[in-house]
N, C-alpha and C. Protein backbone atom coordinates (compact mmCIF):
# COMPACT_ATOMS: atom_id res chain seq x y z
N MET A 1 0.85 -1.26 0.04
CA MET A 1 0.01 0.00 0.00
C MET A 1 0.85 1.25 -0.05
N LYS A 2 1.97 1.14 0.76
CA LYS A 2 2.78 2.36 0.84
C LYS A 2 3.50 2.71 -0.52
N LYS A 3 3.76 1.58 -1.25
CA LYS A 3 4.41 1.85 -2.62
C LYS A 3 3.23 2.25 -3.54
N LEU A 4 2.05 1.97 -3.30
CA LEU A 4 0.99 2.38 -4.33
C LEU A 4 0.67 3.87 -4.19
N ILE A 5 0.71 4.42 -2.95
CA ILE A 5 0.28 5.89 -2.72
C ILE A 5 1.22 6.75 -3.66
N PRO A 6 2.54 6.71 -3.59
CA PRO A 6 3.37 7.65 -4.39
C PRO A 6 2.98 7.38 -5.87
N TYR A 7 2.72 6.15 -6.20
CA TYR A 7 2.36 5.87 -7.68
C TYR A 7 1.04 6.64 -8.06
N LEU A 8 0.11 6.53 -7.07
CA LEU A 8 -1.18 7.20 -7.44
C LEU A 8 -1.01 8.81 -7.43
N PHE A 9 -0.16 9.32 -6.58
CA PHE A 9 0.17 10.77 -6.67
C PHE A 9 0.85 11.08 -8.05
N ALA A 10 1.73 10.15 -8.47
CA ALA A 10 2.40 10.52 -9.80
C ALA A 10 1.42 10.48 -10.86
N LEU A 11 0.48 9.51 -10.92
CA LEU A 11 -0.49 9.48 -11.95
C LEU A 11 -1.44 10.77 -11.90
N ALA A 12 -1.74 11.25 -10.71
CA ALA A 12 -2.56 12.45 -10.54
C ALA A 12 -1.84 13.69 -11.13
N SER A 13 -0.50 13.73 -10.81
CA SER A 13 0.26 14.80 -11.30
C SER A 13 0.48 14.73 -12.84
N LEU A 14 0.51 13.61 -13.37
CA LEU A 14 0.60 13.48 -14.82
C LEU A 14 -0.71 13.91 -15.48
N GLY A 15 -1.76 13.44 -14.96
CA GLY A 15 -3.07 13.80 -15.43
C GLY A 15 -3.29 15.24 -15.38
N SER A 16 -2.90 15.96 -14.30
CA SER A 16 -3.04 17.50 -14.14
C SER A 16 -2.13 18.15 -15.23
N PHE A 17 -0.99 17.64 -15.38
CA PHE A 17 -0.10 18.27 -16.37
C PHE A 17 -0.64 18.07 -17.90
N ALA A 18 -1.22 16.91 -18.07
CA ALA A 18 -1.70 16.64 -19.46
C ALA A 18 -2.94 17.52 -19.85
N SER A 19 -3.60 17.98 -18.74
CA SER A 19 -4.82 18.77 -19.09
C SER A 19 -4.43 20.24 -19.23
N GLU A 20 -3.30 20.60 -18.99
CA GLU A 20 -2.75 22.01 -19.01
C GLU A 20 -2.75 22.49 -20.48
N PRO A 21 -3.41 23.57 -20.80
CA PRO A 21 -3.37 24.11 -22.25
C PRO A 21 -2.14 24.53 -22.68
N ILE A 22 -1.70 24.50 -23.92
CA ILE A 22 -0.51 25.01 -24.62
C ILE A 22 -0.76 26.54 -24.71
N THR A 23 0.21 27.28 -24.21
CA THR A 23 0.24 28.70 -24.35
C THR A 23 0.83 29.04 -25.74
N LEU A 24 0.00 29.78 -26.57
CA LEU A 24 0.39 30.12 -27.84
C LEU A 24 0.65 31.68 -28.00
N ASP A 25 1.70 31.99 -28.76
CA ASP A 25 1.81 33.41 -29.18
C ASP A 25 1.43 33.44 -30.60
N TRP A 26 1.21 34.52 -31.21
CA TRP A 26 0.72 34.59 -32.60
C TRP A 26 1.61 34.08 -33.63
N GLN A 27 2.90 34.27 -33.39
CA GLN A 27 3.90 33.87 -34.33
C GLN A 27 3.85 32.38 -34.51
N LYS A 28 3.49 31.57 -33.49
CA LYS A 28 3.38 30.06 -33.71
C LYS A 28 2.14 29.67 -34.70
N LEU A 29 1.22 30.57 -34.99
CA LEU A 29 0.28 30.44 -35.91
C LEU A 29 0.66 30.94 -37.26
N ARG A 30 1.73 31.48 -37.46
CA ARG A 30 2.26 32.10 -38.60
C ARG A 30 3.54 31.54 -39.10
N PRO A 31 3.43 30.35 -39.73
CA PRO A 31 4.59 29.52 -40.14
C PRO A 31 5.35 30.31 -41.16
N GLU A 32 6.60 29.96 -41.52
CA GLU A 32 7.29 30.61 -42.59
C GLU A 32 6.69 30.22 -43.92
N PRO A 33 6.17 31.25 -44.63
CA PRO A 33 5.49 30.94 -45.99
C PRO A 33 6.58 30.67 -47.02
N PRO A 34 6.19 30.07 -48.07
CA PRO A 34 7.13 29.75 -49.29
C PRO A 34 7.45 31.17 -49.88
N LYS A 35 8.61 31.37 -50.26
CA LYS A 35 9.16 32.55 -50.80
C LYS A 35 8.43 32.90 -52.05
N ASN A 36 8.05 34.09 -52.16
CA ASN A 36 7.45 34.51 -53.50
C ASN A 36 8.40 34.52 -54.68
N GLN A 37 8.20 33.66 -55.49
CA GLN A 37 9.15 33.50 -56.67
C GLN A 37 8.90 34.72 -57.86
N VAL A 38 7.89 35.37 -57.62
CA VAL A 38 7.62 36.52 -58.62
C VAL A 38 8.37 37.64 -58.27
N THR A 39 9.12 38.30 -59.14
CA THR A 39 9.96 39.51 -58.94
C THR A 39 9.40 40.63 -59.76
N LEU A 40 8.92 41.67 -59.16
CA LEU A 40 8.46 42.86 -59.99
C LEU A 40 9.63 43.69 -60.30
N PRO A 41 9.65 44.20 -61.51
CA PRO A 41 10.82 45.05 -62.04
C PRO A 41 10.81 46.38 -61.44
N GLU A 42 12.02 46.95 -61.38
CA GLU A 42 12.18 48.44 -60.88
C GLU A 42 11.54 49.36 -61.89
N LEU A 43 10.74 50.20 -61.34
CA LEU A 43 10.12 51.36 -62.15
C LEU A 43 10.37 52.49 -61.57
N SER A 44 10.30 53.69 -62.49
CA SER A 44 10.47 55.06 -62.03
C SER A 44 9.16 55.40 -61.33
N TYR A 45 9.24 56.48 -60.50
CA TYR A 45 8.07 56.90 -59.86
C TYR A 45 6.90 57.33 -60.74
N GLU A 46 7.32 57.95 -61.88
CA GLU A 46 6.36 58.40 -62.96
C GLU A 46 5.66 57.22 -63.57
N ASN A 47 6.40 56.09 -63.82
CA ASN A 47 5.87 54.95 -64.48
C ASN A 47 4.83 54.19 -63.50
N ARG A 48 5.20 54.22 -62.22
CA ARG A 48 4.29 53.63 -61.22
C ARG A 48 3.05 54.37 -61.17
N LEU A 49 3.02 55.75 -61.29
CA LEU A 49 1.86 56.56 -61.35
C LEU A 49 1.05 56.32 -62.51
N GLN A 50 1.76 56.04 -63.71
CA GLN A 50 1.01 55.83 -64.93
C GLN A 50 0.22 54.56 -64.81
N LEU A 51 0.92 53.49 -64.26
CA LEU A 51 0.19 52.23 -63.94
C LEU A 51 -1.00 52.30 -63.09
N GLN A 52 -0.82 53.11 -62.06
CA GLN A 52 -1.85 53.41 -61.14
C GLN A 52 -3.09 54.01 -61.82
N ARG A 53 -2.78 54.92 -62.73
CA ARG A 53 -3.82 55.55 -63.48
C ARG A 53 -4.62 54.52 -64.35
N ILE A 54 -3.89 53.67 -64.97
CA ILE A 54 -4.43 52.62 -65.66
C ILE A 54 -5.43 51.78 -64.91
N LEU A 55 -5.07 51.31 -63.74
CA LEU A 55 -5.80 50.55 -62.87
C LEU A 55 -7.05 51.35 -62.45
N THR A 56 -6.96 52.62 -62.17
CA THR A 56 -8.05 53.41 -61.82
C THR A 56 -9.14 53.42 -62.91
N LEU A 57 -8.50 53.86 -64.12
CA LEU A 57 -9.43 53.92 -65.22
C LEU A 57 -10.04 52.64 -65.76
N MET A 58 -9.49 51.54 -65.42
CA MET A 58 -10.05 50.36 -65.75
C MET A 58 -11.34 49.93 -65.17
N HIS A 59 -11.68 50.59 -64.05
CA HIS A 59 -13.02 50.42 -63.40
C HIS A 59 -14.05 51.28 -64.04
N SER A 60 -13.68 52.02 -65.05
CA SER A 60 -14.73 52.75 -65.75
C SER A 60 -15.11 52.18 -67.15
N GLY A 61 -16.43 52.27 -67.46
CA GLY A 61 -16.78 51.75 -68.75
C GLY A 61 -16.82 52.86 -69.68
N ASP A 62 -16.52 54.05 -69.43
CA ASP A 62 -16.54 55.24 -70.32
C ASP A 62 -15.44 55.08 -71.47
N GLN A 63 -16.00 55.30 -72.73
CA GLN A 63 -15.13 55.24 -73.84
C GLN A 63 -13.94 56.07 -73.87
N LEU A 64 -14.16 57.25 -73.34
CA LEU A 64 -13.06 58.29 -73.20
C LEU A 64 -11.85 57.66 -72.14
N ASP A 65 -12.33 57.08 -71.16
CA ASP A 65 -11.35 56.48 -70.28
C ASP A 65 -10.55 55.32 -70.88
N MET A 66 -11.33 54.61 -71.75
CA MET A 66 -10.65 53.36 -72.44
C MET A 66 -9.52 54.16 -73.43
N ALA A 67 -9.84 55.22 -74.05
CA ALA A 67 -8.98 55.87 -74.92
C ALA A 67 -7.73 56.39 -74.15
N ARG A 68 -8.03 56.93 -72.93
CA ARG A 68 -6.97 57.37 -72.08
C ARG A 68 -5.98 56.26 -71.62
N ILE A 69 -6.58 55.17 -71.37
CA ILE A 69 -5.78 53.94 -71.01
C ILE A 69 -4.92 53.53 -72.16
N ASN A 70 -5.43 53.48 -73.45
CA ASN A 70 -4.58 53.12 -74.64
C ASN A 70 -3.47 54.16 -74.80
N SER A 71 -3.74 55.44 -74.52
CA SER A 71 -2.72 56.52 -74.58
C SER A 71 -1.57 56.33 -73.71
N ILE A 72 -2.05 56.03 -72.38
CA ILE A 72 -1.02 55.81 -71.36
C ILE A 72 -0.12 54.61 -71.80
N LYS A 73 -0.64 53.54 -72.23
CA LYS A 73 0.01 52.34 -72.53
C LYS A 73 1.04 52.63 -73.75
N MET A 74 0.58 53.40 -74.68
CA MET A 74 1.42 53.74 -75.71
C MET A 74 2.72 54.55 -75.35
N GLN A 75 2.29 55.48 -74.35
CA GLN A 75 3.41 56.30 -73.76
C GLN A 75 4.47 55.39 -73.09
N LEU A 76 3.89 54.48 -72.25
CA LEU A 76 4.80 53.61 -71.50
C LEU A 76 5.60 52.74 -72.47
N LYS A 77 4.93 52.20 -73.64
CA LYS A 77 5.71 51.49 -74.54
C LYS A 77 6.82 52.12 -75.10
N SER A 78 6.64 53.42 -75.36
CA SER A 78 7.71 54.24 -75.97
C SER A 78 8.86 54.44 -75.08
N GLU A 79 8.69 54.08 -73.67
CA GLU A 79 9.68 54.16 -72.74
C GLU A 79 10.22 52.71 -72.32
N GLY A 80 9.70 51.83 -73.19
CA GLY A 80 10.32 50.49 -72.93
C GLY A 80 9.54 49.68 -71.86
N VAL A 81 8.28 50.05 -71.51
CA VAL A 81 7.60 49.39 -70.49
C VAL A 81 6.30 48.86 -71.03
N ASP A 82 6.17 47.57 -70.98
CA ASP A 82 4.85 46.92 -71.45
C ASP A 82 3.93 46.84 -70.31
N ALA A 83 2.89 47.64 -70.33
CA ALA A 83 1.87 47.78 -69.35
C ALA A 83 1.10 46.57 -69.10
N ASP A 84 0.69 45.90 -70.19
CA ASP A 84 -0.28 44.78 -70.09
C ASP A 84 0.56 43.50 -69.43
N GLU A 85 1.83 43.38 -69.75
CA GLU A 85 2.71 42.33 -69.04
C GLU A 85 2.80 42.61 -67.65
N LEU A 86 3.06 43.90 -67.37
CA LEU A 86 3.32 44.28 -66.03
C LEU A 86 2.05 44.12 -65.08
N LEU A 87 0.93 44.46 -65.71
CA LEU A 87 -0.31 44.21 -64.93
C LEU A 87 -0.60 42.74 -64.74
N LYS A 88 -0.34 41.84 -65.66
CA LYS A 88 -0.41 40.41 -65.42
C LYS A 88 0.41 39.86 -64.43
N LEU A 89 1.71 40.37 -64.42
CA LEU A 89 2.76 39.99 -63.42
C LEU A 89 2.30 40.56 -62.00
N ARG A 90 1.66 41.61 -61.97
CA ARG A 90 1.15 42.15 -60.71
C ARG A 90 0.11 41.29 -60.07
N ASP A 91 -0.79 40.84 -60.96
CA ASP A 91 -1.85 39.88 -60.52
C ASP A 91 -1.31 38.59 -59.91
N VAL A 92 -0.28 38.07 -60.62
CA VAL A 92 0.39 36.87 -60.17
C VAL A 92 1.16 36.98 -58.88
N TYR A 93 1.78 38.26 -58.71
CA TYR A 93 2.46 38.52 -57.46
C TYR A 93 1.51 38.69 -56.33
N ILE A 94 0.36 39.41 -56.50
CA ILE A 94 -0.64 39.56 -55.43
C ILE A 94 -1.23 38.22 -55.00
N GLN A 95 -1.45 37.34 -55.91
CA GLN A 95 -2.00 36.00 -55.69
C GLN A 95 -1.10 35.26 -54.76
N ALA A 96 0.23 35.33 -55.09
CA ALA A 96 1.38 34.69 -54.30
C ALA A 96 1.35 35.26 -52.96
N GLN A 97 1.32 36.49 -52.81
CA GLN A 97 1.32 37.11 -51.43
C GLN A 97 0.06 36.66 -50.67
N LYS A 98 -1.14 36.50 -51.35
CA LYS A 98 -2.36 36.11 -50.69
C LYS A 98 -2.21 34.70 -50.14
N MET A 99 -1.50 33.85 -51.02
CA MET A 99 -1.26 32.47 -50.45
C MET A 99 -0.35 32.36 -49.24
N ALA A 100 0.63 33.25 -49.34
CA ALA A 100 1.55 33.32 -48.15
C ALA A 100 0.82 33.78 -46.90
N ALA A 101 -0.12 34.71 -47.13
CA ALA A 101 -0.86 35.15 -45.88
C ALA A 101 -1.74 34.10 -45.34
N GLU A 102 -2.08 33.05 -46.27
CA GLU A 102 -2.95 32.04 -45.75
C GLU A 102 -2.38 30.74 -45.39
N THR A 103 -0.92 30.88 -45.20
CA THR A 103 -0.20 29.74 -44.83
C THR A 103 -0.53 29.38 -43.44
N ILE A 104 -0.96 28.24 -42.95
CA ILE A 104 -1.29 28.00 -41.66
C ILE A 104 -0.61 26.74 -41.10
N THR A 105 -0.60 26.47 -39.85
CA THR A 105 0.03 25.37 -39.33
C THR A 105 -1.12 24.36 -38.72
N THR A 106 -0.88 23.06 -38.97
CA THR A 106 -1.81 22.09 -38.34
C THR A 106 -1.22 21.50 -37.08
N GLU A 107 -0.06 22.04 -36.63
CA GLU A 107 0.65 21.47 -35.46
C GLU A 107 -0.25 21.30 -34.23
N PHE A 108 -1.15 22.22 -34.05
CA PHE A 108 -2.05 22.32 -32.86
C PHE A 108 -3.40 21.81 -32.97
N ASP A 109 -3.78 21.38 -34.01
CA ASP A 109 -5.09 20.79 -34.41
C ASP A 109 -5.55 19.83 -33.31
N GLY A 110 -6.72 20.02 -32.74
CA GLY A 110 -7.40 19.25 -31.80
C GLY A 110 -6.75 19.34 -30.32
N LYS A 111 -5.79 20.20 -30.27
CA LYS A 111 -5.14 20.41 -28.93
C LYS A 111 -5.79 21.54 -28.09
N LYS A 112 -5.70 21.43 -26.86
CA LYS A 112 -6.10 22.49 -25.95
C LYS A 112 -5.13 23.62 -25.79
N VAL A 113 -5.47 24.74 -26.24
CA VAL A 113 -4.52 25.91 -26.13
C VAL A 113 -5.07 27.10 -25.46
N ARG A 114 -4.22 27.97 -25.20
CA ARG A 114 -4.54 29.24 -24.55
C ARG A 114 -3.81 30.33 -25.23
N ILE A 115 -4.52 31.38 -25.75
CA ILE A 115 -3.86 32.46 -26.47
C ILE A 115 -4.53 33.77 -26.14
N PRO A 116 -3.71 34.78 -26.02
CA PRO A 116 -4.22 36.10 -25.74
C PRO A 116 -4.54 36.93 -26.99
N GLY A 117 -5.36 37.93 -26.98
CA GLY A 117 -5.70 38.68 -28.09
C GLY A 117 -6.80 39.64 -27.86
N PHE A 118 -7.24 40.32 -28.90
CA PHE A 118 -8.39 41.27 -28.84
C PHE A 118 -9.49 40.74 -29.59
N LEU A 119 -10.69 40.88 -29.03
CA LEU A 119 -11.78 40.35 -29.79
C LEU A 119 -12.60 41.31 -30.62
N VAL A 120 -13.16 40.79 -31.65
CA VAL A 120 -14.04 41.57 -32.73
C VAL A 120 -15.35 40.76 -32.58
N PRO A 121 -16.36 41.37 -31.95
CA PRO A 121 -17.59 40.58 -31.72
C PRO A 121 -18.38 40.46 -32.99
N ILE A 122 -18.99 39.38 -33.29
CA ILE A 122 -19.90 39.21 -34.53
C ILE A 122 -21.26 38.71 -34.14
N GLU A 123 -21.41 38.09 -32.91
CA GLU A 123 -22.72 37.57 -32.52
C GLU A 123 -22.89 37.95 -31.00
N PHE A 124 -23.99 38.40 -30.61
CA PHE A 124 -24.38 38.68 -29.21
C PHE A 124 -25.54 37.79 -28.74
N SER A 125 -25.55 37.43 -27.44
CA SER A 125 -26.66 36.67 -26.85
C SER A 125 -27.46 37.83 -26.11
N GLU A 126 -26.80 38.85 -25.74
CA GLU A 126 -27.61 40.02 -25.04
C GLU A 126 -26.54 41.20 -25.15
N ALA A 127 -26.99 42.38 -24.55
CA ALA A 127 -26.18 43.55 -24.79
C ALA A 127 -24.80 43.38 -24.11
N MET A 128 -23.73 43.50 -24.90
CA MET A 128 -22.34 43.50 -24.63
C MET A 128 -21.86 42.02 -24.23
N VAL A 129 -22.69 41.05 -24.46
CA VAL A 129 -22.28 39.69 -24.21
C VAL A 129 -22.15 38.87 -25.49
N THR A 130 -20.95 38.62 -25.91
CA THR A 130 -20.66 38.12 -27.18
C THR A 130 -20.48 36.66 -27.05
N THR A 131 -21.07 35.72 -27.92
CA THR A 131 -21.02 34.39 -28.00
C THR A 131 -20.11 33.85 -29.27
N ASP A 132 -19.95 34.71 -30.17
CA ASP A 132 -19.02 34.42 -31.29
C ASP A 132 -18.20 35.71 -31.70
N PHE A 133 -16.98 35.40 -31.81
CA PHE A 133 -16.08 36.59 -32.17
C PHE A 133 -14.79 36.24 -32.77
N LEU A 134 -14.14 37.19 -33.28
CA LEU A 134 -12.84 36.93 -33.95
C LEU A 134 -11.83 37.33 -32.94
N LEU A 135 -10.79 36.53 -32.79
CA LEU A 135 -9.60 36.96 -31.97
C LEU A 135 -8.49 37.33 -32.83
N VAL A 136 -7.88 38.50 -32.51
CA VAL A 136 -6.83 39.09 -33.35
C VAL A 136 -5.70 39.52 -32.57
N PRO A 137 -4.56 39.69 -32.98
CA PRO A 137 -3.35 40.23 -32.27
C PRO A 137 -3.27 41.69 -31.91
N THR A 138 -4.08 42.44 -32.74
CA THR A 138 -4.03 43.96 -32.70
C THR A 138 -5.38 44.53 -32.26
N ALA A 139 -5.31 45.42 -31.42
CA ALA A 139 -6.69 46.08 -30.93
C ALA A 139 -7.18 46.83 -32.20
N GLY A 140 -8.45 46.59 -32.47
CA GLY A 140 -9.17 47.44 -33.48
C GLY A 140 -9.05 46.74 -34.91
N ALA A 141 -8.36 45.64 -35.00
CA ALA A 141 -8.31 45.08 -36.35
C ALA A 141 -9.64 44.62 -36.87
N CYS A 142 -9.80 44.74 -38.09
CA CYS A 142 -11.08 44.47 -38.76
C CYS A 142 -12.07 45.64 -38.49
N ILE A 143 -11.85 46.49 -37.68
CA ILE A 143 -12.74 47.62 -37.42
C ILE A 143 -12.21 48.99 -37.88
N HIS A 144 -12.76 49.47 -38.93
CA HIS A 144 -12.14 50.72 -39.50
C HIS A 144 -10.83 50.53 -40.04
N MET A 145 -10.35 49.31 -40.17
CA MET A 145 -8.99 49.01 -40.70
C MET A 145 -9.01 47.70 -41.36
N PRO A 146 -8.05 47.41 -42.36
CA PRO A 146 -8.08 46.11 -42.98
C PRO A 146 -7.79 45.07 -42.03
N PRO A 147 -8.37 43.70 -42.13
CA PRO A 147 -8.12 42.72 -41.39
C PRO A 147 -6.75 42.11 -41.51
N PRO A 148 -6.25 41.41 -40.51
CA PRO A 148 -4.99 40.84 -40.67
C PRO A 148 -5.01 39.67 -41.49
N PRO A 149 -3.78 39.10 -41.83
CA PRO A 149 -3.76 37.87 -42.54
C PRO A 149 -4.53 36.74 -41.97
N ALA A 150 -4.99 35.77 -42.83
CA ALA A 150 -5.86 34.79 -42.41
C ALA A 150 -5.21 33.92 -41.18
N ASN A 151 -3.85 33.81 -41.17
CA ASN A 151 -3.27 33.06 -40.11
C ASN A 151 -3.09 33.89 -38.84
N GLN A 152 -3.60 34.99 -38.83
CA GLN A 152 -3.63 35.86 -37.62
C GLN A 152 -5.05 36.13 -37.11
N ILE A 153 -6.07 35.29 -37.63
CA ILE A 153 -7.46 35.48 -37.17
C ILE A 153 -7.83 34.06 -36.68
N VAL A 154 -8.45 34.16 -35.44
CA VAL A 154 -9.07 32.77 -34.88
C VAL A 154 -10.56 33.09 -34.72
N ARG A 155 -11.41 32.27 -35.27
CA ARG A 155 -12.92 32.52 -35.11
C ARG A 155 -13.21 31.76 -33.79
N ILE A 156 -13.78 32.45 -32.75
CA ILE A 156 -14.19 31.84 -31.42
C ILE A 156 -15.66 31.61 -31.34
N SER A 157 -15.90 30.39 -30.88
CA SER A 157 -17.29 30.01 -30.47
C SER A 157 -17.37 29.79 -28.93
N PHE A 158 -18.11 30.65 -28.30
CA PHE A 158 -18.30 30.60 -26.87
C PHE A 158 -19.72 30.79 -26.41
N PRO A 159 -20.46 29.68 -26.56
CA PRO A 159 -21.95 29.80 -26.20
C PRO A 159 -22.29 30.32 -24.86
N GLU A 160 -21.34 30.13 -23.91
CA GLU A 160 -21.64 30.72 -22.57
C GLU A 160 -21.68 32.20 -22.55
N GLY A 161 -20.94 32.81 -23.47
CA GLY A 161 -20.91 34.34 -23.67
C GLY A 161 -19.94 34.91 -22.73
N TYR A 162 -19.30 35.88 -23.29
CA TYR A 162 -18.34 36.85 -22.57
C TYR A 162 -18.80 38.21 -22.51
N LYS A 163 -18.87 38.80 -21.34
CA LYS A 163 -19.35 40.17 -21.21
C LYS A 163 -18.20 41.05 -21.48
N MET A 164 -18.06 41.69 -22.63
CA MET A 164 -16.99 42.51 -23.08
C MET A 164 -17.00 43.92 -22.45
N LYS A 165 -15.81 44.37 -22.43
CA LYS A 165 -15.62 45.91 -21.96
C LYS A 165 -15.66 46.70 -23.17
N ASN A 166 -14.65 46.54 -24.04
CA ASN A 166 -14.43 47.21 -25.29
C ASN A 166 -13.53 46.47 -26.09
N VAL A 167 -13.33 46.75 -27.41
CA VAL A 167 -12.47 46.03 -28.34
C VAL A 167 -11.02 46.22 -28.02
N ARG A 168 -10.65 47.08 -27.15
CA ARG A 168 -9.20 47.49 -26.87
C ARG A 168 -8.89 46.81 -25.52
N HIS A 169 -9.75 45.92 -24.98
CA HIS A 169 -9.48 45.31 -23.78
C HIS A 169 -9.08 43.87 -24.06
N PRO A 170 -7.82 43.45 -23.80
CA PRO A 170 -7.35 42.13 -24.18
C PRO A 170 -7.94 41.05 -23.26
N VAL A 171 -8.06 39.74 -23.91
CA VAL A 171 -8.45 38.62 -23.15
C VAL A 171 -7.68 37.46 -23.33
N TRP A 172 -7.78 36.36 -22.51
CA TRP A 172 -7.15 35.17 -22.72
C TRP A 172 -8.32 34.23 -23.17
N VAL A 173 -8.14 33.45 -24.23
CA VAL A 173 -9.14 32.42 -24.66
C VAL A 173 -8.49 31.03 -24.55
N GLU A 174 -9.30 30.09 -24.00
CA GLU A 174 -8.83 28.81 -23.84
C GLU A 174 -9.75 27.76 -24.42
N GLY A 175 -9.35 26.72 -25.22
CA GLY A 175 -10.13 25.77 -25.84
C GLY A 175 -9.40 24.93 -26.87
N ILE A 176 -10.13 24.21 -27.62
CA ILE A 176 -9.65 23.33 -28.74
C ILE A 176 -9.66 24.16 -29.90
N ILE A 177 -8.42 24.09 -30.60
CA ILE A 177 -8.16 24.84 -31.87
C ILE A 177 -8.15 23.90 -33.05
N THR A 178 -8.60 24.38 -34.14
CA THR A 178 -8.54 23.73 -35.45
C THR A 178 -8.10 24.60 -36.60
N SER A 179 -7.32 24.18 -37.47
CA SER A 179 -6.76 24.93 -38.54
C SER A 179 -7.63 24.61 -39.84
N SER A 180 -8.13 25.74 -40.52
CA SER A 180 -9.00 25.56 -41.69
C SER A 180 -9.12 26.94 -42.33
N VAL A 181 -8.59 27.16 -43.53
CA VAL A 181 -8.75 28.48 -44.21
C VAL A 181 -10.11 28.45 -44.86
N LYS A 182 -10.92 29.52 -44.46
CA LYS A 182 -12.14 29.64 -45.09
C LYS A 182 -12.57 31.20 -45.04
N SER A 183 -13.40 31.57 -45.96
CA SER A 183 -13.90 32.93 -46.05
C SER A 183 -15.23 32.96 -45.51
N GLU A 184 -15.75 33.96 -44.79
CA GLU A 184 -17.02 34.05 -44.19
C GLU A 184 -17.48 35.48 -44.10
N GLU A 185 -18.73 35.64 -44.41
CA GLU A 185 -19.35 36.93 -44.32
C GLU A 185 -19.81 37.16 -42.84
N VAL A 186 -19.09 38.27 -42.19
CA VAL A 186 -19.40 38.46 -40.79
C VAL A 186 -19.86 39.94 -40.69
N TYR A 187 -20.76 40.11 -39.78
CA TYR A 187 -21.11 41.54 -39.44
C TYR A 187 -20.40 42.05 -38.31
N ILE A 188 -19.71 43.27 -38.53
CA ILE A 188 -18.95 43.80 -37.50
C ILE A 188 -19.48 45.32 -37.44
N VAL A 189 -18.79 46.03 -36.59
CA VAL A 189 -19.24 47.44 -36.33
C VAL A 189 -19.71 48.29 -37.67
N ASP A 190 -18.74 48.35 -38.60
CA ASP A 190 -19.00 49.09 -39.77
C ASP A 190 -19.57 48.43 -40.96
N GLY A 191 -20.35 47.28 -40.62
CA GLY A 191 -20.95 46.59 -41.72
C GLY A 191 -20.61 45.19 -42.08
N THR A 192 -21.14 44.60 -43.02
CA THR A 192 -20.76 43.25 -43.33
C THR A 192 -19.53 43.09 -44.15
N SER A 193 -18.56 42.21 -43.73
CA SER A 193 -17.37 42.04 -44.46
C SER A 193 -17.13 40.56 -44.73
N ASN A 194 -16.45 40.37 -45.97
CA ASN A 194 -15.87 39.03 -46.17
C ASN A 194 -14.55 38.86 -45.68
N ILE A 195 -14.40 38.01 -44.65
CA ILE A 195 -13.03 37.87 -44.04
C ILE A 195 -12.51 36.39 -44.19
N THR A 196 -11.25 36.26 -44.47
CA THR A 196 -10.62 35.03 -44.58
C THR A 196 -10.02 34.63 -43.33
N LEU A 197 -10.44 33.47 -42.78
CA LEU A 197 -9.99 33.07 -41.39
C LEU A 197 -9.07 31.80 -41.47
N GLY A 198 -8.11 31.71 -40.64
CA GLY A 198 -7.11 30.65 -40.72
C GLY A 198 -7.44 29.62 -39.67
N TYR A 199 -8.12 29.89 -38.58
CA TYR A 199 -8.32 29.01 -37.50
C TYR A 199 -9.71 29.27 -36.94
N SER A 200 -10.22 28.13 -36.20
CA SER A 200 -11.42 28.23 -35.36
C SER A 200 -11.11 27.59 -34.05
N LEU A 201 -11.88 28.13 -33.04
CA LEU A 201 -11.66 27.58 -31.71
C LEU A 201 -12.87 27.43 -30.94
N ASP A 202 -13.17 26.24 -30.30
CA ASP A 202 -14.27 26.02 -29.37
C ASP A 202 -13.85 26.37 -28.01
N ALA A 203 -14.21 27.60 -27.50
CA ALA A 203 -13.65 28.05 -26.27
C ALA A 203 -14.40 27.36 -24.95
N SER A 204 -13.64 27.06 -24.03
CA SER A 204 -14.05 26.61 -22.69
C SER A 204 -14.03 27.68 -21.66
N LYS A 205 -13.06 28.71 -21.97
CA LYS A 205 -13.00 29.78 -20.99
C LYS A 205 -12.56 30.99 -21.78
N VAL A 206 -13.08 32.08 -21.43
CA VAL A 206 -12.65 33.51 -21.80
C VAL A 206 -12.59 34.35 -20.69
N VAL A 207 -11.35 34.94 -20.33
CA VAL A 207 -11.23 35.70 -19.24
C VAL A 207 -10.33 36.99 -19.59
N ASP A 208 -10.47 37.95 -18.65
CA ASP A 208 -9.67 39.34 -18.91
C ASP A 208 -8.23 38.94 -18.80
N TYR A 209 -7.54 39.56 -19.68
CA TYR A 209 -6.01 39.42 -19.85
C TYR A 209 -5.39 39.88 -18.53
N GLN A 210 -4.51 39.01 -17.97
CA GLN A 210 -3.77 39.32 -16.76
C GLN A 210 -2.27 39.26 -17.07
């Protein structure tokens, strides 16, 4: 019996340790992305302005604007710059950057984690009690400013509800995390936005940051 007691204590300690959540910082959710293989050529300031004018005018269906686009392209061509090729290359570059922003890790899938951040509420059960929200590393992200990369957004489900103070008040969130890149239409303070999310988390606890 005397030998059994220390063994039982050891098992209890191991069980307690196993239930402890992994504390994550945001960098762990942002693995090193593949290097962008697309290289944009060096352009003069004036050439960049001309390309920007083309991009702006392309959104117009006005025939005069189409004529202006052709005129700018001819001007650029006389300077040795192929506007059409550059615009195609720009699209490829942007797509590669987007893929890099959506690079996620599966290392923590199904594991209990603990992560600090700022919440962006998207659903409420009652006044100031949010049951679904986005967790982000920067206060005010997604509100009056562009959202962070997908691998820096965690969608939180917390049916119990958290009574929030304001979006600049940090919290700790604990629960089971899953990696999955998906886009979702969410309603936030300044209207509905389509946001690409890298992770989701079923929260068991949401507390003020200490």
